[in-house]
Amino acid sequence: MELDCTGVILAGGKNSRLPGKKKTFHRVGDTSILEKLCALFSKLFKETIIVVNEPEAFMGLDMMVATDIIPARCVLAGLHAGLFYASYPYAYVTACDIPFASEAVIRHLVSRVRPGDHVVIPRTDDGLEPLSAVYSKECIPLIEESLKNNIFMIKKFYKKK
């Protein structure tokens, strides 16, 4: 069953976690992480958006390809674009370099959304996991304010809420 939620894959950024490599096309086994995420998201969501810096490299995908609206080249700007273009009030958001995204975890997080929630975010022993979370479109003005105030880190955005 597809979820009444938009799936957003953040695939822009500066490649800081895999320096010198296009993390979007990084292969794990015989497929790229992006191919695995796209297959999973196509199964889970009625709508999937991939937010990128270079859209021409992604035009063959069967999903909406978007770029940052606010040109900050950071996760928060990608989150903003994904929420802005989402057709549904909530979006599950992840990064393109998360190789082991779990259908069960995603379904669980989406099932935890209640009216009025802005963010449903898992907490692990390492802390909050902002790139495996459900965000409301209601976050858009708060993200815009953060970016306007040069707050680019997603964890600092949470501190405002």
Foldseek 3Di string as FASTA:
>chain_A
DADLAEEEEEQAADCPVPPPDRQLAPDDPPGHLVVVVLVLRVVHHPAYEYEYDDCVVPVVDPHHYHYFPPPPRFPLSSVLGVLVPDPGQKYFAAYSNPRDDDPVLLVVQSVPDDPPDAKRWDQDPVGTDVRGIMGGSVCNVLSVVCVVVVNRDPVVSVVVD
